[in-house]
Amino acid sequence: QVQLAESGGGLVQPGGSLRLSCAASGFTLGYYTIGWFRQAPGKEREGVSCMRSTAGSTYYVDSMRGRFTISRDDAKNTVYLQMNSLKPEDTAVYYCAAVQPWYGSNCPSGPAMNYWGKGTLVTVSS
């Protein structure tokens, strides 16, 4: 059974850091393009970052570039999102998703993804 499971969310103060994990089961993450998305209360879902399959090229939304880092551990079949310098506006439910194949030049949009996790809540507040 194909599953994605996010973890690592929680409450953090502004300026703090969190590392989210996205563990896959039932398929090999390295063969898929993986995206991180988020949805803040009352807002539409938005893309955050993605990692292309095989070569592992990474892309970031401008507002996250330099603060967030996506990485992959093939041995653990897990993708991570390291989030630093967190701001209150980063508060959202964060989702990971996977798609195969993906031939686009940047990150796939939400509707393009094949598989989704259930999300993990990140709250940035003092």
C-alpha atoms as a PDB file:
ATOM      1  CA  GLN A   1       0.000   0.000   0.000  1.00  0.00           C
ATOM      2  CA  VAL A   2       1.348   3.382  -1.025  1.00  0.00           C
ATOM      3  CA  GLN A   3       1.605   5.829   1.846  1.00  0.00           C
ATOM      4  CA  LEU A   4       3.298   9.093   2.727  1.00  0.00           C
ATOM      5  CA  ALA A   5       3.543  10.106   6.361  1.00  0.00           C
ATOM      6  CA  GLU A   6       4.698  13.525   7.526  1.00  0.00           C
ATOM      7  CA  SER A   7       6.070  14.189  10.984  1.00  0.00           C
ATOM      8  CA  GLY A   8       8.066  16.799  12.826  1.00  0.00           C
ATOM      9  CA  GLY A   9       5.552  19.605  13.096  1.00  0.00           C
ATOM     10  CA  GLY A  10       4.903  21.489  16.285  1.00  0.00           C
ATOM     11  CA  LEU A  11       5.016  24.831  18.027  1.00  0.00           C
ATOM     12  CA  VAL A  12       8.123  26.937  17.538  1.00  0.00           C
ATOM     13  CA  GLN A  13       9.003  30.526  18.344  1.00  0.00           C
ATOM     14  CA  PRO A  14       9.691  33.042  15.586  1.00  0.00           C
ATOM     15  CA  GLY A  15      13.253  32.669  14.401  1.00  0.00           C
ATOM     16  CA  GLY A  16      13.317  29.006  15.375  1.00  0.00           C
ATOM     17  CA  SER A  17      13.787  25.871  13.296  1.00  0.00           C
ATOM     18  CA  LEU A  18      11.970  22.649  12.585  1.00  0.00           C
ATOM     19  CA  ARG A  19      12.736  19.657  10.407  1.00  0.00           C
ATOM     20  CA  LEU A  20       9.800  17.932   8.795  1.00  0.00           C
ATOM     21  CA  SER A  21      10.036  14.350   7.611  1.00  0.00           C
ATOM     22  CA  CYS A  22       8.080  12.591   4.896  1.00  0.00           C
ATOM     23  CA  ALA A  23       8.421   8.824   5.052  1.00  0.00           C
ATOM     24  CA  ALA A  24       7.251   6.730   2.131  1.00  0.00           C
ATOM     25  CA  SER A  25       6.043   3.161   2.141  1.00  0.00           C
ATOM     26  CA  GLY A  26       4.960   0.989  -0.754  1.00  0.00           C
ATOM     27  CA  PHE A  27       7.153   2.786  -3.307  1.00  0.00           C
ATOM     28  CA  THR A  28      10.653   4.202  -3.721  1.00  0.00           C
ATOM     29  CA  LEU A  29      10.782   7.939  -3.177  1.00  0.00           C
ATOM     30  CA  GLY A  30      13.900   8.374  -5.249  1.00  0.00           C
ATOM     31  CA  TYR A  31      12.001   7.510  -8.423  1.00  0.00           C
ATOM     32  CA  TYR A  32       9.421  10.218  -7.788  1.00  0.00           C
ATOM     33  CA  THR A  33       9.380  13.987  -7.805  1.00  0.00           C
ATOM     34  CA  ILE A  34       8.526  15.027  -4.259  1.00  0.00           C
ATOM     35  CA  GLY A  35       6.850  18.265  -3.328  1.00  0.00           C
ATOM     36  CA  TRP A  36       6.213  20.022  -0.062  1.00  0.00           C
ATOM     37  CA  PHE A  37       3.045  22.096   0.102  1.00  0.00           C
ATOM     38  CA  ARG A  38       1.398  24.043   2.861  1.00  0.00           C
ATOM     39  CA  GLN A  39      -2.020  25.420   3.670  1.00  0.00           C
ATOM     40  CA  ALA A  40      -2.459  28.213   6.177  1.00  0.00           C
ATOM     41  CA  PRO A  41      -5.785  28.794   7.924  1.00  0.00           C
ATOM     42  CA  GLY A  42      -8.219  30.440   5.553  1.00  0.00           C
ATOM     43  CA  LYS A  43      -5.803  30.340   2.637  1.00  0.00           C
ATOM     44  CA  GLU A  44      -5.307  28.209  -0.420  1.00  0.00           C
ATOM     45  CA  ARG A  45      -2.707  25.502  -0.551  1.00  0.00           C
ATOM     46  CA  GLU A  46       0.625  26.668  -1.928  1.00  0.00           C
ATOM     47  CA  GLY A  47       3.791  24.975  -3.056  1.00  0.00           C
ATOM     48  CA  VAL A  48       6.894  25.283  -0.914  1.00  0.00           C
ATOM     49  CA  SER A  49       9.646  23.237  -2.484  1.00  0.00           C
ATOM     50  CA  CYS A  50      10.261  20.156  -4.571  1.00  0.00           C
ATOM     51  CA  MET A  51      12.976  17.682  -5.409  1.00  0.00           C
ATOM     52  CA  ARG A  52      13.140  16.039  -8.792  1.00  0.00           C
ATOM     53  CA  SER A  53      13.557  12.287  -8.999  1.00  0.00           C
ATOM     54  CA  THR A  54      16.915  10.624  -9.594  1.00  0.00           C
ATOM     55  CA  ALA A  55      19.096  13.713 -10.130  1.00  0.00           C
ATOM     56  CA  GLY A  56      17.654  15.341  -7.035  1.00  0.00           C
ATOM     57  CA  SER A  57      17.431  18.871  -8.414  1.00  0.00           C
ATOM     58  CA  THR A  58      15.731  21.156  -5.908  1.00  0.00           C
ATOM     59  CA  TYR A  59      13.452  24.146  -6.298  1.00  0.00           C
ATOM     60  CA  TYR A  60      12.008  26.634  -3.830  1.00  0.00           C
ATOM     61  CA  VAL A  61       9.339  29.257  -3.758  1.00  0.00           C
ATOM     62  CA  ASP A  62      11.052  32.659  -3.561  1.00  0.00           C
ATOM     63  CA  SER A  63       9.809  33.460  -0.049  1.00  0.00           C
ATOM     64  CA  MET A  64      11.315  30.209   1.298  1.00  0.00           C
ATOM     65  CA  ARG A  65      14.591  30.184  -0.610  1.00  0.00           C
ATOM     66  CA  GLY A  66      17.491  30.535   1.784  1.00  0.00           C
ATOM     67  CA  ARG A  67      15.387  29.549   4.795  1.00  0.00           C
ATOM     68  CA  PHE A  68      14.087  26.105   3.778  1.00  0.00           C
ATOM     69  CA  THR A  69      16.096  23.152   2.519  1.00  0.00           C
ATOM     70  CA  ILE A  70      14.709  19.980   0.999  1.00  0.00           C
ATOM     71  CA  SER A  71      16.751  16.804   1.146  1.00  0.00           C
ATOM     72  CA  ARG A  72      16.330  13.075   0.666  1.00  0.00           C
ATOM     73  CA  ASP A  73      17.700   9.998   2.426  1.00  0.00           C
ATOM     74  CA  ASP A  74      17.300   7.104   0.007  1.00  0.00           C
ATOM     75  CA  ALA A  75      18.317   4.532   2.618  1.00  0.00           C
ATOM     76  CA  LYS A  76      15.417   5.651   4.802  1.00  0.00           C
ATOM     77  CA  ASN A  77      13.059   6.330   1.883  1.00  0.00           C
ATOM     78  CA  THR A  78      12.403   9.703   3.463  1.00  0.00           C
ATOM     79  CA  VAL A  79      12.396  13.309   2.326  1.00  0.00           C
ATOM     80  CA  TYR A  80      13.034  16.175   4.729  1.00  0.00           C
ATOM     81  CA  LEU A  81      12.229  19.855   4.853  1.00  0.00           C
ATOM     82  CA  GLN A  82      14.569  21.799   7.099  1.00  0.00           C
ATOM     83  CA  MET A  83      12.946  25.090   8.012  1.00  0.00           C
ATOM     84  CA  ASN A  84      15.017  27.853   9.588  1.00  0.00           C
ATOM     85  CA  SER A  85      14.287  31.439  10.567  1.00  0.00           C
ATOM     86  CA  LEU A  86      10.628  30.617  10.865  1.00  0.00           C
ATOM     87  CA  LYS A  87       8.091  33.419  10.784  1.00  0.00           C
ATOM     88  CA  PRO A  88       4.509  33.555  12.048  1.00  0.00           C
ATOM     89  CA  GLU A  89       3.357  33.572   8.433  1.00  0.00           C
ATOM     90  CA  ASP A  90       4.902  30.119   8.014  1.00  0.00           C
ATOM     91  CA  THR A  91       2.167  28.733  10.253  1.00  0.00           C
ATOM     92  CA  ALA A  92       0.315  26.105   8.228  1.00  0.00           C
ATOM     93  CA  VAL A  93      -0.338  22.438   7.743  1.00  0.00           C
ATOM     94  CA  TYR A  94       2.547  21.085   5.705  1.00  0.00           C
ATOM     95  CA  TYR A  95       2.010  18.242   3.270  1.00  0.00           C
ATOM     96  CA  CYS A  96       4.344  16.129   1.213  1.00  0.00           C
ATOM     97  CA  ALA A  97       3.252  14.673  -2.090  1.00  0.00           C
ATOM     98  CA  ALA A  98       4.752  12.558  -4.846  1.00  0.00           C
ATOM     99  CA  VAL A  99       4.331  12.280  -8.598  1.00  0.00           C
ATOM    100  CA  GLN A 100       5.806  10.117 -11.304  1.00  0.00           C
ATOM    101  CA  PRO A 101       6.673  10.966 -13.979  1.00  0.00           C
ATOM    102  CA  TRP A 102       7.189  14.726 -13.972  1.00  0.00           C
ATOM    103  CA  TYR A 103       8.628  16.397 -17.055  1.00  0.00           C
ATOM    104  CA  GLY A 104       7.955  20.015 -16.119  1.00  0.00           C
ATOM    105  CA  SER A 105      10.711  22.553 -15.709  1.00  0.00           C
ATOM    106  CA  ASN A 106       9.994  23.492 -12.091  1.00  0.00           C
ATOM    107  CA  CYS A 107       7.796  22.091  -9.349  1.00  0.00           C
ATOM    108  CA  PRO A 108       4.562  20.308 -10.095  1.00  0.00           C
ATOM    109  CA  SER A 109       1.362  21.897  -8.865  1.00  0.00           C
ATOM    110  CA  GLY A 110      -0.882  20.211  -6.351  1.00  0.00           C
ATOM    111  CA  PRO A 111      -3.331  18.721  -8.858  1.00  0.00           C
ATOM    112  CA  ALA A 112      -0.444  17.007 -10.634  1.00  0.00           C
ATOM    113  CA  MET A 113       0.570  14.956  -7.596  1.00  0.00           C
ATOM    114  CA  ASN A 114      -0.286  11.269  -7.376  1.00  0.00           C
ATOM    115  CA  TYR A 115       0.105  10.648  -3.654  1.00  0.00           C
ATOM    116  CA  TRP A 116      -0.377  12.827  -0.576  1.00  0.00           C
ATOM    117  CA  GLY A 117       0.371  12.562   3.096  1.00  0.00           C
ATOM    118  CA  LYS A 118      -2.089  13.694   5.750  1.00  0.00           C
ATOM    119  CA  GLY A 119      -0.043  16.678   6.812  1.00  0.00           C
ATOM    120  CA  THR A 120       1.698  17.956   9.904  1.00  0.00           C
ATOM    121  CA  LEU A 121       0.873  21.230  11.659  1.00  0.00           C
ATOM    122  CA  VAL A 122       3.540  23.874  12.098  1.00  0.00           C
ATOM    123  CA  THR A 123       2.718  26.770  14.394  1.00  0.00           C
ATOM    124  CA  VAL A 124       5.126  29.687  14.669  1.00  0.00           C
ATOM    125  CA  SER A 125       4.208  31.832  17.621  1.00  0.00           C
ATOM    126  CA  SER A 126       5.697  33.444  20.686  1.00  0.00           C
END
